[in-house]
Amino acid sequence: MDVSIQQIQELIRQGEGISVEFKTCRNKINRDVYETVCAFLNRHGGTIVIGKQE
């Protein structure tokens, strides 16, 4: 699925909610990302925005 910069900016502007989560990662995907995936699978899906924290 291709996502435009404008779509990502809109997700960030709207903030986290029941179907949007923001996660930070350094060298690998953290356990809480997997927990969020499981939570989304048990509901109606969602979007995880993963970024690298400097």
PDB file of N, CA and C in Angstrom:
ATOM      1  N   MET A   1       0.847  -1.178   0.000  1.00  0.00           N
ATOM      2  CA  MET A   1       0.000   0.000   0.000  1.00  0.00           C
ATOM      3  C   MET A   1       0.889   1.238   0.000  1.00  0.00           C
ATOM      4  N   ASP A   2       0.714   2.075  -0.973  1.00  0.00           N
ATOM      5  CA  ASP A   2       1.463   3.323  -1.041  1.00  0.00           C
ATOM      6  C   ASP A   2       0.751   4.394  -0.225  1.00  0.00           C
ATOM      7  N   VAL A   3       1.521   5.089   0.582  1.00  0.00           N
ATOM      8  CA  VAL A   3       0.978   6.149   1.417  1.00  0.00           C
ATOM      9  C   VAL A   3       1.715   7.431   1.081  1.00  0.00           C
ATOM     10  N   SER A   4       0.976   8.494   0.858  1.00  0.00           N
ATOM     11  CA  SER A   4       1.596   9.770   0.508  1.00  0.00           C
ATOM     12  C   SER A   4       2.065  10.505   1.760  1.00  0.00           C
ATOM     13  N   ILE A   5       2.946  11.439   1.564  1.00  0.00           N
ATOM     14  CA  ILE A   5       3.422  12.280   2.664  1.00  0.00           C
ATOM     15  C   ILE A   5       2.251  13.040   3.273  1.00  0.00           C
ATOM     16  N   GLN A   6       1.331  13.474   2.444  1.00  0.00           N
ATOM     17  CA  GLN A   6       0.165  14.205   2.941  1.00  0.00           C
ATOM     18  C   GLN A   6      -0.694  13.319   3.842  1.00  0.00           C
ATOM     19  N   GLN A   7      -0.844  12.037   3.506  1.00  0.00           N
ATOM     20  CA  GLN A   7      -1.632  11.129   4.337  1.00  0.00           C
ATOM     21  C   GLN A   7      -0.963  10.910   5.692  1.00  0.00           C
ATOM     22  N   ILE A   8       0.349  10.781   5.698  1.00  0.00           N
ATOM     23  CA  ILE A   8       1.087  10.615   6.953  1.00  0.00           C
ATOM     24  C   ILE A   8       0.971  11.876   7.801  1.00  0.00           C
ATOM     25  N   GLN A   9       1.115  13.030   7.175  1.00  0.00           N
ATOM     26  CA  GLN A   9       0.986  14.290   7.902  1.00  0.00           C
ATOM     27  C   GLN A   9      -0.407  14.438   8.512  1.00  0.00           C
ATOM     28  N   GLU A  10      -1.429  13.996   7.800  1.00  0.00           N
ATOM     29  CA  GLU A  10      -2.799  14.076   8.321  1.00  0.00           C
ATOM     30  C   GLU A  10      -2.977  13.139   9.513  1.00  0.00           C
ATOM     31  N   LEU A  11      -2.412  11.927   9.445  1.00  0.00           N
ATOM     32  CA  LEU A  11      -2.469  11.006  10.588  1.00  0.00           C
ATOM     33  C   LEU A  11      -1.802  11.627  11.814  1.00  0.00           C
ATOM     34  N   ILE A  12      -0.652  12.238  11.618  1.00  0.00           N
ATOM     35  CA  ILE A  12       0.075  12.868  12.720  1.00  0.00           C
ATOM     36  C   ILE A  12      -0.722  14.041  13.281  1.00  0.00           C
ATOM     37  N   ARG A  13      -1.311  14.828  12.401  1.00  0.00           N
ATOM     38  CA  ARG A  13      -2.105  15.975  12.836  1.00  0.00           C
ATOM     39  C   ARG A  13      -3.295  15.535  13.683  1.00  0.00           C
ATOM     40  N   GLN A  14      -3.957  14.450  13.295  1.00  0.00           N
ATOM     41  CA  GLN A  14      -5.125  13.963  14.027  1.00  0.00           C
ATOM     42  C   GLN A  14      -4.737  13.357  15.371  1.00  0.00           C
ATOM     43  N   GLY A  15      -3.512  12.836  15.465  1.00  0.00           N
ATOM     44  CA  GLY A  15      -3.048  12.261  16.721  1.00  0.00           C
ATOM     45  C   GLY A  15      -3.501  10.827  16.910  1.00  0.00           C
ATOM     46  N   GLU A  16      -3.054  10.258  18.025  1.00  0.00           N
ATOM     47  CA  GLU A  16      -3.401   8.874  18.331  1.00  0.00           C
ATOM     48  C   GLU A  16      -4.871   8.757  18.689  1.00  0.00           C
ATOM     49  N   GLY A  17      -5.404   7.596  18.422  1.00  0.00           N
ATOM     50  CA  GLY A  17      -6.793   7.312  18.741  1.00  0.00           C
ATOM     51  C   GLY A  17      -7.005   5.817  18.782  1.00  0.00           C
ATOM     52  N   ILE A  18      -8.255   5.414  18.670  1.00  0.00           N
ATOM     53  CA  ILE A  18      -8.584   3.994  18.780  1.00  0.00           C
ATOM     54  C   ILE A  18      -7.996   3.168  17.631  1.00  0.00           C
ATOM     55  N   SER A  19      -7.706   3.808  16.498  1.00  0.00           N
ATOM     56  CA  SER A  19      -7.172   3.051  15.360  1.00  0.00           C
ATOM     57  C   SER A  19      -5.839   3.598  14.841  1.00  0.00           C
ATOM     58  N   VAL A  20      -5.215   4.500  15.600  1.00  0.00           N
ATOM     59  CA  VAL A  20      -3.908   5.052  15.210  1.00  0.00           C
ATOM     60  C   VAL A  20      -2.995   5.061  16.425  1.00  0.00           C
ATOM     61  N   GLU A  21      -1.806   4.509  16.258  1.00  0.00           N
ATOM     62  CA  GLU A  21      -0.802   4.489  17.329  1.00  0.00           C
ATOM     63  C   GLU A  21       0.532   4.961  16.763  1.00  0.00           C
ATOM     64  N   PHE A  22       1.267   5.733  17.545  1.00  0.00           N
ATOM     65  CA  PHE A  22       2.617   6.160  17.189  1.00  0.00           C
ATOM     66  C   PHE A  22       3.606   5.363  18.033  1.00  0.00           C
ATOM     67  N   LYS A  23       4.638   4.838  17.409  1.00  0.00           N
ATOM     68  CA  LYS A  23       5.654   4.059  18.116  1.00  0.00           C
ATOM     69  C   LYS A  23       7.037   4.544  17.703  1.00  0.00           C
ATOM     70  N   THR A  24       7.973   4.481  18.650  1.00  0.00           N
ATOM     71  CA  THR A  24       9.365   4.795  18.340  1.00  0.00           C
ATOM     72  C   THR A  24      10.181   3.511  18.395  1.00  0.00           C
ATOM     73  N   CYS A  25      11.192   3.443  17.573  1.00  0.00           N
ATOM     74  CA  CYS A  25      12.075   2.276  17.533  1.00  0.00           C
ATOM     75  C   CYS A  25      13.502   2.760  17.357  1.00  0.00           C
ATOM     76  N   ARG A  26      14.415   2.046  17.943  1.00  0.00           N
ATOM     77  CA  ARG A  26      15.827   2.359  17.748  1.00  0.00           C
ATOM     78  C   ARG A  26      16.452   1.345  16.793  1.00  0.00           C
ATOM     79  N   ASN A  27      16.797   0.173  17.296  1.00  0.00           N
ATOM     80  CA  ASN A  27      17.467  -0.819  16.466  1.00  0.00           C
ATOM     81  C   ASN A  27      16.564  -1.971  16.047  1.00  0.00           C
ATOM     82  N   LYS A  28      15.444  -2.147  16.749  1.00  0.00           N
ATOM     83  CA  LYS A  28      14.524  -3.228  16.429  1.00  0.00           C
ATOM     84  C   LYS A  28      13.120  -2.835  16.859  1.00  0.00           C
ATOM     85  N   ILE A  29      12.148  -3.604  16.386  1.00  0.00           N
ATOM     86  CA  ILE A  29      10.761  -3.344  16.759  1.00  0.00           C
ATOM     87  C   ILE A  29      10.551  -3.793  18.198  1.00  0.00           C
ATOM     88  N   ASN A  30       9.996  -2.911  19.004  1.00  0.00           N
ATOM     89  CA  ASN A  30       9.760  -3.186  20.421  1.00  0.00           C
ATOM     90  C   ASN A  30       8.541  -4.074  20.619  1.00  0.00           C
ATOM     91  N   ARG A  31       8.476  -4.698  21.781  1.00  0.00           N
ATOM     92  CA  ARG A  31       7.372  -5.595  22.121  1.00  0.00           C
ATOM     93  C   ARG A  31       6.022  -4.889  22.056  1.00  0.00           C
ATOM     94  N   ASP A  32       5.964  -3.628  22.449  1.00  0.00           N
ATOM     95  CA  ASP A  32       4.681  -2.937  22.451  1.00  0.00           C
ATOM     96  C   ASP A  32       4.106  -2.769  21.050  1.00  0.00           C
ATOM     97  N   VAL A  33       4.961  -2.785  20.029  1.00  0.00           N
ATOM     98  CA  VAL A  33       4.460  -2.737  18.651  1.00  0.00           C
ATOM     99  C   VAL A  33       3.677  -4.014  18.357  1.00  0.00           C
ATOM    100  N   TYR A  34       4.229  -5.152  18.753  1.00  0.00           N
ATOM    101  CA  TYR A  34       3.542  -6.428  18.536  1.00  0.00           C
ATOM    102  C   TYR A  34       2.227  -6.480  19.311  1.00  0.00           C
ATOM    103  N   GLU A  35       2.222  -5.930  20.508  1.00  0.00           N
ATOM    104  CA  GLU A  35       0.994  -5.897  21.306  1.00  0.00           C
ATOM    105  C   GLU A  35      -0.070  -5.032  20.626  1.00  0.00           C
ATOM    106  N   THR A  36       0.357  -3.933  20.023  1.00  0.00           N
ATOM    107  CA  THR A  36      -0.579  -3.071  19.299  1.00  0.00           C
ATOM    108  C   THR A  36      -1.121  -3.779  18.071  1.00  0.00           C
ATOM    109  N   VAL A  37      -0.263  -4.500  17.358  1.00  0.00           N
ATOM    110  CA  VAL A  37      -0.718  -5.272  16.198  1.00  0.00           C
ATOM    111  C   VAL A  37      -1.797  -6.263  16.628  1.00  0.00           C
ATOM    112  N   CYS A  38      -1.549  -6.981  17.707  1.00  0.00           N
ATOM    113  CA  CYS A  38      -2.538  -7.945  18.212  1.00  0.00           C
ATOM    114  C   CYS A  38      -3.843  -7.251  18.588  1.00  0.00           C
ATOM    115  N   ALA A  39      -3.743  -6.097  19.233  1.00  0.00           N
ATOM    116  CA  ALA A  39      -4.943  -5.357  19.618  1.00  0.00           C
ATOM    117  C   ALA A  39      -5.731  -4.928  18.379  1.00  0.00           C
ATOM    118  N   PHE A  40      -5.040  -4.444  17.348  1.00  0.00           N
ATOM    119  CA  PHE A  40      -5.715  -4.040  16.119  1.00  0.00           C
ATOM    120  C   PHE A  40      -6.360  -5.242  15.429  1.00  0.00           C
ATOM    121  N   LEU A  41      -5.686  -6.384  15.459  1.00  0.00           N
ATOM    122  CA  LEU A  41      -6.244  -7.588  14.841  1.00  0.00           C
ATOM    123  C   LEU A  41      -7.514  -8.043  15.547  1.00  0.00           C
ATOM    124  N   ASN A  42      -7.594  -7.803  16.847  1.00  0.00           N
ATOM    125  CA  ASN A  42      -8.766  -8.200  17.617  1.00  0.00           C
ATOM    126  C   ASN A  42      -9.908  -7.198  17.500  1.00  0.00           C
ATOM    127  N   ARG A  43      -9.662  -6.063  16.889  1.00  0.00           N
ATOM    128  CA  ARG A  43     -10.713  -5.065  16.684  1.00  0.00           C
ATOM    129  C   ARG A  43     -10.992  -4.947  15.191  1.00  0.00           C
ATOM    130  N   HIS A  44     -10.902  -3.763  14.671  1.00  0.00           N
ATOM    131  CA  HIS A  44     -11.225  -3.522  13.257  1.00  0.00           C
ATOM    132  C   HIS A  44     -10.022  -3.021  12.472  1.00  0.00           C
ATOM    133  N   GLY A  45      -8.824  -3.331  12.942  1.00  0.00           N
ATOM    134  CA  GLY A  45      -7.626  -2.867  12.249  1.00  0.00           C
ATOM    135  C   GLY A  45      -7.193  -1.507  12.744  1.00  0.00           C
ATOM    136  N   GLY A  46      -6.153  -0.996  12.128  1.00  0.00           N
ATOM    137  CA  GLY A  46      -5.639   0.307  12.518  1.00  0.00           C
ATOM    138  C   GLY A  46      -4.354   0.617  11.800  1.00  0.00           C
ATOM    139  N   THR A  47      -3.766   1.727  12.181  1.00  0.00           N
ATOM    140  CA  THR A  47      -2.530   2.195  11.561  1.00  0.00           C
ATOM    141  C   THR A  47      -1.494   2.422  12.647  1.00  0.00           C
ATOM    142  N   ILE A  48      -0.301   1.878  12.426  1.00  0.00           N
ATOM    143  CA  ILE A  48       0.819   2.112  13.325  1.00  0.00           C
ATOM    144  C   ILE A  48       1.846   2.934  12.566  1.00  0.00           C
ATOM    145  N   VAL A  49       2.192   4.090  13.113  1.00  0.00           N
ATOM    146  CA  VAL A  49       3.216   4.946  12.523  1.00  0.00           C
ATOM    147  C   VAL A  49       4.480   4.714  13.337  1.00  0.00           C
ATOM    148  N   ILE A  50       5.498   4.133  12.687  1.00  0.00           N
ATOM    149  CA  ILE A  50       6.740   3.812  13.377  1.00  0.00           C
ATOM    150  C   ILE A  50       7.813   4.797  12.939  1.00  0.00           C
ATOM    151  N   GLY A  51       8.476   5.390  13.926  1.00  0.00           N
ATOM    152  CA  GLY A  51       9.556   6.329  13.656  1.00  0.00           C
ATOM    153  C   GLY A  51      10.773   5.988  14.467  1.00  0.00           C
ATOM    154  N   LYS A  52      11.862   6.519  14.059  1.00  0.00           N
ATOM    155  CA  LYS A  52      13.120   6.272  14.767  1.00  0.00           C
ATOM    156  C   LYS A  52      13.384   7.457  15.689  1.00  0.00           C
ATOM    157  N   GLN A  53      13.590   7.145  16.958  1.00  0.00           N
ATOM    158  CA  GLN A  53      13.912   8.182  17.934  1.00  0.00           C
ATOM    159  C   GLN A  53      15.408   8.374  17.935  1.00  0.00           C
ATOM    160  N   GLU A  54      15.850   9.594  17.800  1.00  0.00           N
ATOM    161  CA  GLU A  54      17.295   9.887  17.776  1.00  0.00           C
ATOM    162  C   GLU A  54      17.841   9.972  19.162  1.00  0.00           C
TER     163      GLU A  54
END
